[in-house]
C-alpha atoms as a PDB file:
ATOM      1  CA  MET A   1      -6.009 -24.882 -15.723  1.00  0.00           C
ATOM      2  CA  LYS A   2      -6.582 -21.145 -15.793  1.00  0.00           C
ATOM      3  CA  PRO A   3      -4.575 -18.988 -13.375  1.00  0.00           C
ATOM      4  CA  ILE A   4      -6.260 -16.358 -11.249  1.00  0.00           C
ATOM      5  CA  ILE A   5      -4.854 -12.944 -12.196  1.00  0.00           C
ATOM      6  CA  GLY A   6      -5.248 -10.051  -9.754  1.00  0.00           C
ATOM      7  CA  ILE A   7      -5.511  -6.783 -11.722  1.00  0.00           C
ATOM      8  CA  THR A   8      -4.695  -3.715  -9.618  1.00  0.00           C
ATOM      9  CA  MET A   9      -6.574  -0.596 -10.695  1.00  0.00           C
ATOM     10  CA  GLY A  10      -3.676   1.885 -10.591  1.00  0.00           C
ATOM     11  CA  ASP A  11      -4.334   5.619 -10.325  1.00  0.00           C
ATOM     12  CA  ALA A  12      -8.091   6.009 -10.757  1.00  0.00           C
ATOM     13  CA  ALA A  13      -7.697   9.587 -12.013  1.00  0.00           C
ATOM     14  CA  GLY A  14      -6.048   8.100 -15.089  1.00  0.00           C
ATOM     15  CA  VAL A  15      -7.079   5.539 -17.689  1.00  0.00           C
ATOM     16  CA  GLY A  16      -6.660   2.445 -15.487  1.00  0.00           C
ATOM     17  CA  PRO A  17     -10.358   1.805 -14.764  1.00  0.00           C
ATOM     18  CA  GLU A  18     -11.285   2.402 -18.421  1.00  0.00           C
ATOM     19  CA  ILE A  19      -8.774  -0.005 -19.909  1.00  0.00           C
ATOM     20  CA  ILE A  20      -9.658  -2.634 -17.306  1.00  0.00           C
ATOM     21  CA  VAL A  21     -13.374  -2.625 -18.084  1.00  0.00           C
ATOM     22  CA  LYS A  22     -12.696  -2.618 -21.823  1.00  0.00           C
ATOM     23  CA  ALA A  23     -10.346  -5.589 -21.467  1.00  0.00           C
ATOM     24  CA  LEU A  24     -12.644  -7.570 -19.185  1.00  0.00           C
ATOM     25  CA  ALA A  25     -15.528  -7.218 -21.630  1.00  0.00           C
ATOM     26  CA  GLN A  26     -13.676  -9.494 -24.067  1.00  0.00           C
ATOM     27  CA  ASP A  27     -13.834 -13.274 -24.375  1.00  0.00           C
ATOM     28  CA  GLU A  28     -10.072 -13.397 -24.998  1.00  0.00           C
ATOM     29  CA  VAL A  29      -9.218 -12.497 -21.399  1.00  0.00           C
ATOM     30  CA  TYR A  30     -11.434 -15.219 -19.930  1.00  0.00           C
ATOM     31  CA  ASP A  31      -9.909 -17.725 -22.345  1.00  0.00           C
ATOM     32  CA  LEU A  32      -6.506 -16.883 -20.821  1.00  0.00           C
ATOM     33  CA  CYS A  33      -7.274 -16.681 -17.126  1.00  0.00           C
ATOM     34  CA  ARG A  34      -9.712 -15.934 -14.324  1.00  0.00           C
ATOM     35  CA  PRO A  35      -9.434 -12.157 -13.768  1.00  0.00           C
ATOM     36  CA  LEU A  36     -10.042 -10.414 -10.468  1.00  0.00           C
ATOM     37  CA  VAL A  37      -9.791  -6.634 -10.015  1.00  0.00           C
ATOM     38  CA  ILE A  38      -8.301  -5.120  -6.856  1.00  0.00           C
ATOM     39  CA  GLY A  39      -9.435  -1.530  -6.509  1.00  0.00           C
ATOM     40  CA  ASP A  40     -12.546   0.573  -5.945  1.00  0.00           C
ATOM     41  CA  ALA A  41     -15.851  -0.731  -7.268  1.00  0.00           C
ATOM     42  CA  ALA A  42     -17.224   2.814  -7.605  1.00  0.00           C
ATOM     43  CA  MET A  43     -14.409   3.735 -10.013  1.00  0.00           C
ATOM     44  CA  LEU A  44     -15.102   0.653 -12.133  1.00  0.00           C
ATOM     45  CA  GLU A  45     -18.830   1.465 -12.207  1.00  0.00           C
ATOM     46  CA  ARG A  46     -17.985   4.957 -13.418  1.00  0.00           C
ATOM     47  CA  ALA A  47     -15.719   3.486 -16.098  1.00  0.00           C
ATOM     48  CA  VAL A  48     -18.545   1.191 -17.243  1.00  0.00           C
ATOM     49  CA  ARG A  49     -20.794   4.229 -17.705  1.00  0.00           C
ATOM     50  CA  ILE A  50     -18.094   6.112 -19.615  1.00  0.00           C
ATOM     51  CA  THR A  51     -17.187   3.244 -21.929  1.00  0.00           C
ATOM     52  CA  ASN A  52     -20.753   1.935 -22.272  1.00  0.00           C
ATOM     53  CA  VAL A  53     -19.587  -1.673 -22.042  1.00  0.00           C
ATOM     54  CA  PRO A  54     -22.253  -4.193 -20.961  1.00  0.00           C
ATOM     55  CA  LEU A  55     -20.723  -5.192 -17.626  1.00  0.00           C
ATOM     56  CA  VAL A  56     -21.858  -5.563 -14.039  1.00  0.00           C
ATOM     57  CA  ILE A  57     -19.457  -4.891 -11.150  1.00  0.00           C
ATOM     58  CA  ARG A  58     -19.560  -7.515  -8.400  1.00  0.00           C
ATOM     59  CA  ASN A  59     -18.278  -6.196  -5.075  1.00  0.00           C
ATOM     60  CA  ILE A  60     -16.546  -9.011  -3.163  1.00  0.00           C
ATOM     61  CA  ASN A  61     -14.172  -9.206  -0.195  1.00  0.00           C
ATOM     62  CA  GLN A  62     -12.211 -12.405  -0.926  1.00  0.00           C
ATOM     63  CA  THR A  63     -11.073 -14.444  -3.905  1.00  0.00           C
ATOM     64  CA  SER A  64     -13.273 -17.425  -3.031  1.00  0.00           C
ATOM     65  CA  ALA A  65     -16.370 -15.270  -3.640  1.00  0.00           C
ATOM     66  CA  ALA A  66     -15.413 -14.543  -7.260  1.00  0.00           C
ATOM     67  CA  ALA A  67     -17.534 -16.050 -10.039  1.00  0.00           C
ATOM     68  CA  PHE A  68     -15.105 -15.330 -12.919  1.00  0.00           C
ATOM     69  CA  GLU A  69     -17.943 -14.972 -15.437  1.00  0.00           C
ATOM     70  CA  LEU A  70     -17.821 -12.976 -18.656  1.00  0.00           C
ATOM     71  CA  GLY A  71     -20.230 -10.055 -18.326  1.00  0.00           C
ATOM     72  CA  ALA A  72     -19.403  -9.318 -14.687  1.00  0.00           C
ATOM     73  CA  ILE A  73     -16.213  -8.002 -13.091  1.00  0.00           C
ATOM     74  CA  ASP A  74     -15.315  -9.409  -9.693  1.00  0.00           C
ATOM     75  CA  CYS A  75     -13.755  -6.582  -7.651  1.00  0.00           C
ATOM     76  CA  ILE A  76     -12.128  -6.814  -4.252  1.00  0.00           C
ATOM     77  CA  ASP A  77     -13.318  -3.372  -3.211  1.00  0.00           C
ATOM     78  CA  LEU A  78     -11.043  -1.404  -0.895  1.00  0.00           C
ATOM     79  CA  GLY A  79     -13.404   1.592  -0.935  1.00  0.00           C
ATOM     80  CA  LEU A  80     -10.674   4.222  -0.708  1.00  0.00           C
ATOM     81  CA  LEU A  81     -11.863   6.871  -3.162  1.00  0.00           C
ATOM     82  CA  PRO A  82     -14.798   9.269  -3.564  1.00  0.00           C
ATOM     83  CA  SER A  83     -17.072   8.503  -6.513  1.00  0.00           C
ATOM     84  CA  ASP A  84     -16.497  12.015  -7.903  1.00  0.00           C
ATOM     85  CA  LEU A  85     -12.677  11.799  -8.039  1.00  0.00           C
ATOM     86  CA  PRO A  86     -11.644  14.245 -10.802  1.00  0.00           C
ATOM     87  CA  PHE A  87     -10.069  12.824 -13.942  1.00  0.00           C
ATOM     88  CA  GLY A  88      -6.636  13.943 -15.061  1.00  0.00           C
ATOM     89  CA  GLN A  89      -5.548  15.598 -11.817  1.00  0.00           C
ATOM     90  CA  ILE A  90      -2.786  14.748  -9.359  1.00  0.00           C
ATOM     91  CA  SER A  91      -4.501  13.408  -6.257  1.00  0.00           C
ATOM     92  CA  ALA A  92      -2.947  12.293  -2.982  1.00  0.00           C
ATOM     93  CA  ALA A  93      -6.002  10.115  -2.363  1.00  0.00           C
ATOM     94  CA  ALA A  94      -5.603   8.363  -5.714  1.00  0.00           C
ATOM     95  CA  GLY A  95      -1.862   7.897  -5.145  1.00  0.00           C
ATOM     96  CA  ASN A  96      -2.458   6.416  -1.719  1.00  0.00           C
ATOM     97  CA  ALA A  97      -5.174   4.125  -3.067  1.00  0.00           C
ATOM     98  CA  ALA A  98      -2.931   2.914  -5.894  1.00  0.00           C
ATOM     99  CA  TYR A  99      -0.324   1.858  -3.330  1.00  0.00           C
ATOM    100  CA  HIS A 100      -2.854  -0.052  -1.253  1.00  0.00           C
ATOM    101  CA  TYR A 101      -4.203  -1.887  -4.310  1.00  0.00           C
ATOM    102  CA  ILE A 102      -0.667  -3.170  -4.935  1.00  0.00           C
ATOM    103  CA  ALA A 103      -0.147  -4.065  -1.275  1.00  0.00           C
ATOM    104  CA  LYS A 104      -3.397  -6.045  -1.278  1.00  0.00           C
ATOM    105  CA  GLY A 105      -2.357  -7.802  -4.487  1.00  0.00           C
ATOM    106  CA  VAL A 106       0.961  -8.843  -2.951  1.00  0.00           C
ATOM    107  CA  LYS A 107      -0.798 -10.251   0.133  1.00  0.00           C
ATOM    108  CA  LEU A 108      -3.177 -12.258  -2.051  1.00  0.00           C
ATOM    109  CA  ALA A 109      -0.294 -13.565  -4.177  1.00  0.00           C
ATOM    110  CA  GLN A 110       1.781 -14.510  -1.144  1.00  0.00           C
ATOM    111  CA  ALA A 111      -1.208 -16.334   0.338  1.00  0.00           C
ATOM    112  CA  GLY A 112      -1.723 -18.242  -2.911  1.00  0.00           C
ATOM    113  CA  ASP A 113      -5.168 -16.696  -3.485  1.00  0.00           C
ATOM    114  CA  ILE A 114      -4.090 -15.312  -6.841  1.00  0.00           C
ATOM    115  CA  ASP A 115      -1.413 -16.615  -9.187  1.00  0.00           C
ATOM    116  CA  ALA A 116      -0.031 -13.361 -10.604  1.00  0.00           C
ATOM    117  CA  ILE A 117      -0.495  -9.595 -10.455  1.00  0.00           C
ATOM    118  CA  CYS A 118      -1.190  -7.367 -13.448  1.00  0.00           C
ATOM    119  CA  THR A 119      -0.939  -3.649 -12.661  1.00  0.00           C
ATOM    120  CA  ALA A 120      -2.665  -0.706 -14.327  1.00  0.00           C
ATOM    121  CA  PRO A 121      -0.513   2.465 -14.348  1.00  0.00           C
ATOM    122  CA  LEU A 122       0.071   4.731 -11.375  1.00  0.00           C
ATOM    123  CA  ASN A 123       1.270   8.328 -11.236  1.00  0.00           C
ATOM    124  CA  LYS A 124       4.533   8.821  -9.348  1.00  0.00           C
ATOM    125  CA  GLU A 125       3.745  12.386  -8.222  1.00  0.00           C
ATOM    126  CA  ALA A 126       0.370  11.291  -6.862  1.00  0.00           C
ATOM    127  CA  LEU A 127       2.002   8.296  -5.191  1.00  0.00           C
ATOM    128  CA  HIS A 128       4.463  10.593  -3.422  1.00  0.00           C
ATOM    129  CA  LYS A 129       1.721  13.036  -2.405  1.00  0.00           C
ATOM    130  CA  GLY A 130      -0.131  10.074  -0.937  1.00  0.00           C
ATOM    131  CA  GLY A 131       2.847   9.429   1.343  1.00  0.00           C
ATOM    132  CA  HIS A 132       4.521   6.551  -0.498  1.00  0.00           C
ATOM    133  CA  ILE A 133       7.983   7.598  -1.668  1.00  0.00           C
ATOM    134  CA  TYR A 134       8.941   5.051  -4.292  1.00  0.00           C
ATOM    135  CA  PRO A 135      10.156   5.565  -7.870  1.00  0.00           C
ATOM    136  CA  GLY A 136       7.490   3.212  -9.218  1.00  0.00           C
ATOM    137  CA  HIS A 137       5.728  -0.145  -9.146  1.00  0.00           C
ATOM    138  CA  THR A 138       8.926  -2.204  -9.337  1.00  0.00           C
ATOM    139  CA  GLU A 139      10.421  -0.701  -6.189  1.00  0.00           C
ATOM    140  CA  ILE A 140       7.130  -0.978  -4.282  1.00  0.00           C
ATOM    141  CA  LEU A 141       6.887  -4.648  -5.119  1.00  0.00           C
ATOM    142  CA  ALA A 142      10.508  -5.257  -4.165  1.00  0.00           C
ATOM    143  CA  HIS A 143       9.924  -3.588  -0.787  1.00  0.00           C
ATOM    144  CA  LEU A 144       6.674  -5.434  -0.069  1.00  0.00           C
ATOM    145  CA  THR A 145       8.214  -8.808  -0.908  1.00  0.00           C
ATOM    146  CA  GLY A 146      11.577  -8.160   0.763  1.00  0.00           C
ATOM    147  CA  THR A 147      13.421  -8.625  -2.522  1.00  0.00           C
ATOM    148  CA  VAL A 148      16.937  -7.261  -3.119  1.00  0.00           C
ATOM    149  CA  ASP A 149      17.913  -8.814  -6.449  1.00  0.00           C
ATOM    150  CA  TYR A 150      15.221  -7.892  -8.964  1.00  0.00           C
ATOM    151  CA  SER A 151      14.984  -6.221 -12.318  1.00  0.00           C
ATOM    152  CA  MET A 152      12.555  -4.637 -14.758  1.00  0.00           C
ATOM    153  CA  MET A 153      11.901  -6.551 -17.956  1.00  0.00           C
ATOM    154  CA  LEU A 154      10.065  -5.169 -20.990  1.00  0.00           C
ATOM    155  CA  ALA A 155       8.487  -7.552 -23.457  1.00  0.00           C
ATOM    156  CA  THR A 156       7.021  -7.170 -26.936  1.00  0.00           C
ATOM    157  CA  PRO A 157       6.337  -9.880 -29.512  1.00  0.00           C
ATOM    158  CA  ASN A 158       9.745  -9.227 -31.140  1.00  0.00           C
ATOM    159  CA  LEU A 159      11.955  -7.875 -28.352  1.00  0.00           C
ATOM    160  CA  LYS A 160      12.595  -8.561 -24.667  1.00  0.00           C
ATOM    161  CA  VAL A 161      14.775  -6.259 -22.586  1.00  0.00           C
ATOM    162  CA  ILE A 162      15.940  -6.491 -18.959  1.00  0.00           C
ATOM    163  CA  HIS A 163      17.656  -3.647 -17.101  1.00  0.00           C
ATOM    164  CA  LEU A 164      20.731  -3.324 -14.898  1.00  0.00           C
ATOM    165  CA  THR A 165      19.379  -0.010 -13.553  1.00  0.00           C
ATOM    166  CA  THR A 166      16.079   1.817 -13.976  1.00  0.00           C
ATOM    167  CA  HIS A 167      14.750   4.853 -12.131  1.00  0.00           C
ATOM    168  CA  VAL A 168      17.958   6.745 -11.399  1.00  0.00           C
ATOM    169  CA  GLY A 169      19.847   9.470 -13.232  1.00  0.00           C
ATOM    170  CA  LEU A 170      22.374   8.466 -15.863  1.00  0.00           C
ATOM    171  CA  ILE A 171      25.477   9.303 -13.811  1.00  0.00           C
ATOM    172  CA  LYS A 172      24.103   7.391 -10.822  1.00  0.00           C
ATOM    173  CA  ALA A 173      23.152   4.469 -13.071  1.00  0.00           C
ATOM    174  CA  ILE A 174      26.711   4.075 -14.330  1.00  0.00           C
ATOM    175  CA  GLU A 175      28.014   4.252 -10.752  1.00  0.00           C
ATOM    176  CA  MET A 176      25.609   1.482  -9.705  1.00  0.00           C
ATOM    177  CA  ILE A 177      26.646  -0.989 -12.412  1.00  0.00           C
ATOM    178  CA  ASN A 178      29.231  -3.541 -11.276  1.00  0.00           C
ATOM    179  CA  PRO A 179      30.162  -7.133 -12.191  1.00  0.00           C
ATOM    180  CA  GLU A 180      27.916  -8.619  -9.489  1.00  0.00           C
ATOM    181  CA  ARG A 181      24.872  -6.703 -10.729  1.00  0.00           C
ATOM    182  CA  THR A 182      25.672  -7.625 -14.325  1.00  0.00           C
ATOM    183  CA  TYR A 183      25.896 -11.310 -13.437  1.00  0.00           C
ATOM    184  CA  THR A 184      22.726 -11.186 -11.308  1.00  0.00           C
ATOM    185  CA  VAL A 185      20.593  -9.655 -14.061  1.00  0.00           C
ATOM    186  CA  ILE A 186      21.954 -12.056 -16.689  1.00  0.00           C
ATOM    187  CA  LYS A 187      21.018 -14.936 -14.360  1.00  0.00           C
ATOM    188  CA  LEU A 188      17.539 -13.479 -13.777  1.00  0.00           C
ATOM    189  CA  ALA A 189      17.057 -13.223 -17.537  1.00  0.00           C
ATOM    190  CA  HIS A 190      18.254 -16.791 -18.074  1.00  0.00           C
ATOM    191  CA  ASP A 191      16.076 -18.224 -15.304  1.00  0.00           C
ATOM    192  CA  THR A 192      12.979 -16.291 -16.444  1.00  0.00           C
ATOM    193  CA  LEU A 193      13.255 -17.401 -20.056  1.00  0.00           C
ATOM    194  CA  THR A 194      14.074 -20.972 -19.083  1.00  0.00           C
ATOM    195  CA  ALA A 195      10.981 -21.118 -16.854  1.00  0.00           C
ATOM    196  CA  ALA A 196       8.925 -19.808 -19.795  1.00  0.00           C
ATOM    197  CA  GLY A 197      10.072 -22.722 -21.933  1.00  0.00           C
ATOM    198  CA  TYR A 198      13.100 -21.388 -23.818  1.00  0.00           C
ATOM    199  CA  ASP A 199      15.865 -23.936 -24.362  1.00  0.00           C
ATOM    200  CA  ARG A 200      19.244 -22.347 -23.501  1.00  0.00           C
ATOM    201  CA  PRO A 201      18.057 -18.823 -24.364  1.00  0.00           C
ATOM    202  CA  SER A 202      20.431 -16.426 -26.100  1.00  0.00           C
ATOM    203  CA  ILE A 203      21.151 -13.256 -24.104  1.00  0.00           C
ATOM    204  CA  ALA A 204      23.094 -10.184 -25.276  1.00  0.00           C
ATOM    205  CA  VAL A 205      24.480  -7.360 -23.119  1.00  0.00           C
ATOM    206  CA  CYS A 206      24.519  -3.715 -24.246  1.00  0.00           C
ATOM    207  CA  GLY A 207      27.624  -1.619 -23.852  1.00  0.00           C
ATOM    208  CA  ILE A 208      27.557   1.433 -21.614  1.00  0.00           C
ATOM    209  CA  ASN A 209      29.476   3.704 -23.977  1.00  0.00           C
ATOM    210  CA  PRO A 210      29.037   4.401 -27.711  1.00  0.00           C
ATOM    211  CA  HIS A 211      30.317   1.439 -29.759  1.00  0.00           C
ATOM    212  CA  ALA A 212      30.586  -0.474 -26.439  1.00  0.00           C
ATOM    213  CA  GLY A 213      33.711   1.566 -25.688  1.00  0.00           C
ATOM    214  CA  GLU A 214      35.500   0.443 -28.878  1.00  0.00           C
ATOM    215  CA  ASN A 215      38.479  -0.990 -26.997  1.00  0.00           C
ATOM    216  CA  GLY A 216      38.961   2.079 -24.825  1.00  0.00           C
ATOM    217  CA  LEU A 217      38.334   4.741 -27.467  1.00  0.00           C
ATOM    218  CA  PHE A 218      35.165   5.909 -25.686  1.00  0.00           C
ATOM    219  CA  GLY A 219      34.647   6.150 -21.935  1.00  0.00           C
ATOM    220  CA  ASN A 220      36.946   5.093 -19.149  1.00  0.00           C
ATOM    221  CA  GLY A 221      36.967   1.337 -19.485  1.00  0.00           C
ATOM    222  CA  GLU A 222      33.473   0.829 -18.035  1.00  0.00           C
ATOM    223  CA  GLU A 223      32.761  -2.214 -20.193  1.00  0.00           C
ATOM    224  CA  GLU A 224      35.949  -3.967 -19.060  1.00  0.00           C
ATOM    225  CA  GLU A 225      35.438  -3.029 -15.419  1.00  0.00           C
ATOM    226  CA  LYS A 226      31.680  -3.333 -14.925  1.00  0.00           C
ATOM    227  CA  LEU A 227      30.260  -5.663 -17.579  1.00  0.00           C
ATOM    228  CA  ILE A 228      32.752  -8.206 -18.897  1.00  0.00           C
ATOM    229  CA  PRO A 229      33.556  -9.918 -15.555  1.00  0.00           C
ATOM    230  CA  GLY A 230      29.828 -10.506 -14.956  1.00  0.00           C
ATOM    231  CA  ILE A 231      29.373 -11.824 -18.488  1.00  0.00           C
ATOM    232  CA  GLU A 232      32.323 -14.191 -18.114  1.00  0.00           C
ATOM    233  CA  ARG A 233      31.019 -15.481 -14.763  1.00  0.00           C
ATOM    234  CA  ALA A 234      27.663 -16.304 -16.370  1.00  0.00           C
ATOM    235  CA  GLN A 235      29.373 -17.946 -19.336  1.00  0.00           C
ATOM    236  CA  ALA A 236      31.327 -20.145 -16.917  1.00  0.00           C
ATOM    237  CA  GLU A 237      27.949 -21.426 -15.670  1.00  0.00           C
ATOM    238  CA  ASN A 238      27.003 -22.360 -19.236  1.00  0.00           C
ATOM    239  CA  ILE A 239      24.586 -19.451 -19.634  1.00  0.00           C
ATOM    240  CA  ASN A 240      24.312 -18.479 -23.299  1.00  0.00           C
ATOM    241  CA  VAL A 241      25.264 -14.794 -22.966  1.00  0.00           C
ATOM    242  CA  SER A 242      27.545 -12.587 -25.033  1.00  0.00           C
ATOM    243  CA  GLY A 243      28.619  -8.959 -25.369  1.00  0.00           C
ATOM    244  CA  PRO A 244      28.915  -6.187 -24.621  1.00  0.00           C
ATOM    245  CA  TYR A 245      27.624  -4.987 -27.988  1.00  0.00           C
ATOM    246  CA  PRO A 246      26.992  -1.464 -29.309  1.00  0.00           C
ATOM    247  CA  ALA A 247      23.423  -0.564 -28.411  1.00  0.00           C
ATOM    248  CA  ASP A 248      22.784   1.185 -31.729  1.00  0.00           C
ATOM    249  CA  THR A 249      22.865  -2.142 -33.594  1.00  0.00           C
ATOM    250  CA  LEU A 250      22.081  -4.668 -30.871  1.00  0.00           C
ATOM    251  CA  PHE A 251      18.370  -3.889 -30.615  1.00  0.00           C
ATOM    252  CA  TYR A 252      17.966  -4.280 -34.372  1.00  0.00           C
ATOM    253  CA  ARG A 253      19.674  -7.666 -34.202  1.00  0.00           C
ATOM    254  CA  ALA A 254      17.533  -8.774 -31.262  1.00  0.00           C
ATOM    255  CA  ALA A 255      14.294  -7.643 -32.915  1.00  0.00           C
ATOM    256  CA  ARG A 256      15.091  -9.719 -36.000  1.00  0.00           C
ATOM    257  CA  GLY A 257      15.593 -12.784 -33.800  1.00  0.00           C
ATOM    258  CA  ASP A 258      19.331 -13.065 -33.144  1.00  0.00           C
ATOM    259  CA  PHE A 259      18.819 -12.913 -29.347  1.00  0.00           C
ATOM    260  CA  GLN A 260      15.921 -13.764 -27.032  1.00  0.00           C
ATOM    261  CA  MET A 261      16.843 -11.106 -24.446  1.00  0.00           C
ATOM    262  CA  VAL A 262      18.853  -7.885 -24.317  1.00  0.00           C
ATOM    263  CA  VAL A 263      20.423  -6.634 -21.080  1.00  0.00           C
ATOM    264  CA  ALA A 264      20.220  -2.823 -21.080  1.00  0.00           C
ATOM    265  CA  CYS A 265      22.452  -0.773 -18.808  1.00  0.00           C
ATOM    266  CA  TYR A 266      20.058   2.050 -17.971  1.00  0.00           C
ATOM    267  CA  HIS A 267      16.412   3.084 -18.283  1.00  0.00           C
ATOM    268  CA  ASP A 268      16.234   4.900 -21.618  1.00  0.00           C
ATOM    269  CA  GLN A 269      18.685   2.552 -23.344  1.00  0.00           C
ATOM    270  CA  GLY A 270      16.164  -0.249 -22.877  1.00  0.00           C
ATOM    271  CA  HIS A 271      12.860   1.610 -22.901  1.00  0.00           C
ATOM    272  CA  ALA A 272      13.269   3.656 -26.069  1.00  0.00           C
ATOM    273  CA  PRO A 273      13.628   0.739 -28.527  1.00  0.00           C
ATOM    274  CA  VAL A 274      10.665  -1.103 -26.982  1.00  0.00           C
ATOM    275  CA  LYS A 275       8.415   1.943 -27.180  1.00  0.00           C
ATOM    276  CA  VAL A 276       9.419   2.656 -30.766  1.00  0.00           C
ATOM    277  CA  LEU A 277       8.025  -0.799 -31.577  1.00  0.00           C
ATOM    278  CA  GLY A 278       4.670   0.302 -30.143  1.00  0.00           C
ATOM    279  CA  ILE A 279       3.568   1.170 -26.616  1.00  0.00           C
ATOM    280  CA  GLU A 280       0.293  -0.687 -27.121  1.00  0.00           C
ATOM    281  CA  ALA A 281       2.230  -3.945 -27.581  1.00  0.00           C
ATOM    282  CA  GLY A 282       4.658  -3.487 -24.679  1.00  0.00           C
ATOM    283  CA  VAL A 283       4.465  -5.186 -21.295  1.00  0.00           C
ATOM    284  CA  ASN A 284       6.472  -4.409 -18.162  1.00  0.00           C
ATOM    285  CA  ILE A 285       7.437  -7.444 -16.044  1.00  0.00           C
ATOM    286  CA  THR A 286       9.095  -7.412 -12.629  1.00  0.00           C
ATOM    287  CA  VAL A 287      11.595 -10.281 -12.517  1.00  0.00           C
ATOM    288  CA  GLY A 288      13.021 -11.987  -9.426  1.00  0.00           C
ATOM    289  CA  LEU A 289      10.455 -11.136  -6.720  1.00  0.00           C
ATOM    290  CA  LYS A 290      10.673 -13.348  -3.636  1.00  0.00           C
ATOM    291  CA  GLY A 291       7.945 -15.871  -3.024  1.00  0.00           C
ATOM    292  CA  GLY A 292       7.473 -16.423  -6.730  1.00  0.00           C
ATOM    293  CA  VAL A 293       5.271 -13.339  -7.081  1.00  0.00           C
ATOM    294  CA  ILE A 294       4.703 -12.683 -10.784  1.00  0.00           C
ATOM    295  CA  ARG A 295       3.895  -9.125 -11.839  1.00  0.00           C
ATOM    296  CA  THR A 296       3.191  -7.719 -15.271  1.00  0.00           C
ATOM    297  CA  SER A 297       2.040  -4.259 -16.269  1.00  0.00           C
ATOM    298  CA  VAL A 298       1.078  -2.067 -19.156  1.00  0.00           C
ATOM    299  CA  ASP A 299       4.040  -0.186 -20.585  1.00  0.00           C
ATOM    300  CA  HIS A 300       2.336   3.200 -20.637  1.00  0.00           C
ATOM    301  CA  GLY A 301       1.416   5.836 -18.100  1.00  0.00           C
ATOM    302  CA  THR A 302      -1.813   7.105 -16.585  1.00  0.00           C
ATOM    303  CA  ALA A 303      -2.574   9.267 -19.665  1.00  0.00           C
ATOM    304  CA  PHE A 304      -4.254  11.983 -17.633  1.00  0.00           C
ATOM    305  CA  ASP A 305      -4.876  13.998 -20.817  1.00  0.00           C
ATOM    306  CA  ILE A 306      -7.347  11.416 -22.162  1.00  0.00           C
ATOM    307  CA  ALA A 307      -8.726   9.947 -18.914  1.00  0.00           C
ATOM    308  CA  GLY A 308     -12.515   9.792 -18.797  1.00  0.00           C
ATOM    309  CA  LYS A 309     -12.908  10.329 -22.557  1.00  0.00           C
ATOM    310  CA  ASN A 310     -13.363   6.696 -23.630  1.00  0.00           C
ATOM    311  CA  ILE A 311     -10.445   6.774 -26.056  1.00  0.00           C
ATOM    312  CA  ALA A 312      -7.842   4.827 -24.033  1.00  0.00           C
ATOM    313  CA  ASP A 313      -6.429   1.747 -25.774  1.00  0.00           C
ATOM    314  CA  ASP A 314      -6.757  -1.560 -23.916  1.00  0.00           C
ATOM    315  CA  ARG A 315      -4.319  -3.598 -26.055  1.00  0.00           C
ATOM    316  CA  SER A 316      -1.378  -3.194 -23.668  1.00  0.00           C
ATOM    317  CA  ILE A 317      -3.298  -4.364 -20.609  1.00  0.00           C
ATOM    318  CA  ILE A 318      -4.607  -7.370 -22.541  1.00  0.00           C
ATOM    319  CA  ALA A 319      -1.004  -8.163 -23.493  1.00  0.00           C
ATOM    320  CA  ALA A 320       0.017  -7.762 -19.830  1.00  0.00           C
ATOM    321  CA  ILE A 321      -2.741 -10.138 -18.722  1.00  0.00           C
ATOM    322  CA  ARG A 322      -1.574 -12.622 -21.367  1.00  0.00           C
ATOM    323  CA  TYR A 323       2.030 -12.552 -20.068  1.00  0.00           C
ATOM    324  CA  ALA A 324       0.801 -12.843 -16.457  1.00  0.00           C
ATOM    325  CA  ALA A 325      -1.216 -15.927 -17.368  1.00  0.00           C
ATOM    326  CA  GLU A 326       1.746 -17.411 -19.257  1.00  0.00           C
ATOM    327  CA  LEU A 327       4.244 -16.904 -16.425  1.00  0.00           C
ATOM    328  CA  ALA A 328       1.951 -17.695 -13.495  1.00  0.00           C
ATOM    329  CA  PRO A 329       2.315 -20.994 -11.616  1.00  0.00           C
ATOM    330  CA  LYS A 330      -0.684 -23.221 -12.278  1.00  0.00           C
ATOM    331  CA  ARG A 331      -1.936 -23.703  -8.734  1.00  0.00           C
ATOM    332  CA  HIS A 332      -5.675 -23.358  -9.271  1.00  0.00           C
ATOM    333  CA  VAL A 333      -7.600 -25.927 -11.304  1.00  0.00           C
ATOM    334  CA  GLU A 334     -11.142 -25.379 -12.502  1.00  0.00           C
END
């Protein structure tokens, strides 16, 4: 049973097409799943020329036409971009195309034609210039699936982090945190790990303030007001969660194996430790999407500075494909 993974091409002015063709030239990916690219065939053909990988691009219009054979990439071709799209430049056309690749992926997932979505990176400025005003992939997916309670999860081999807030300023993030949100994200973490096979997974919550407030010494009682009631509610449901803990030591403890998941309060609190461990190993996962839509992503950007130079690293997208295959429901049987 190998799941069908829809890989959206991201912003084609960046490294997305390159890392996709590099990844899909490897046996490892086809051992994990049946990959299908959603994007522009012309951009993939250009990436094949740049990377000099021995691949053929197969232009198809539906999943049932895919062959899933090593040596050829099946691409649902939306044909949205010119073949001479410049590398490394903000482009409204590329931003618009990146949105439509995601929208197509969601439709395929909701129809059961693919089992999970793996996204190559997009550029937020290009996305906005293309007329789609979202902070990033996570919010697009939430909108397209009609999801309210969702969260961003980052995963590496040694550390998993889920976020109470993401793409907002720090002051706004603290305002947004409340006991209900704390409980909801703890529950999402618990349910996600349980579905992945963890037995009563151990979850730890970061404090908002230095030293997790140190009993009122730092901050204005945010831990007591915003975090602890949500933690206690989850504990009452027999969820194995504890905290809040000081963030400066919690991530070390989690990375050595004390906890299976850390709940971070805001974007940089969770992202920085994961990226210190190595961007090439990190995977971004959207948790809680309605309809059971599974989405994973590389944990790096479009890398406009190296796009088109055949030096982009494909390890993160291979890791993202691996997590997508692991979390996907097994609906398709070869």
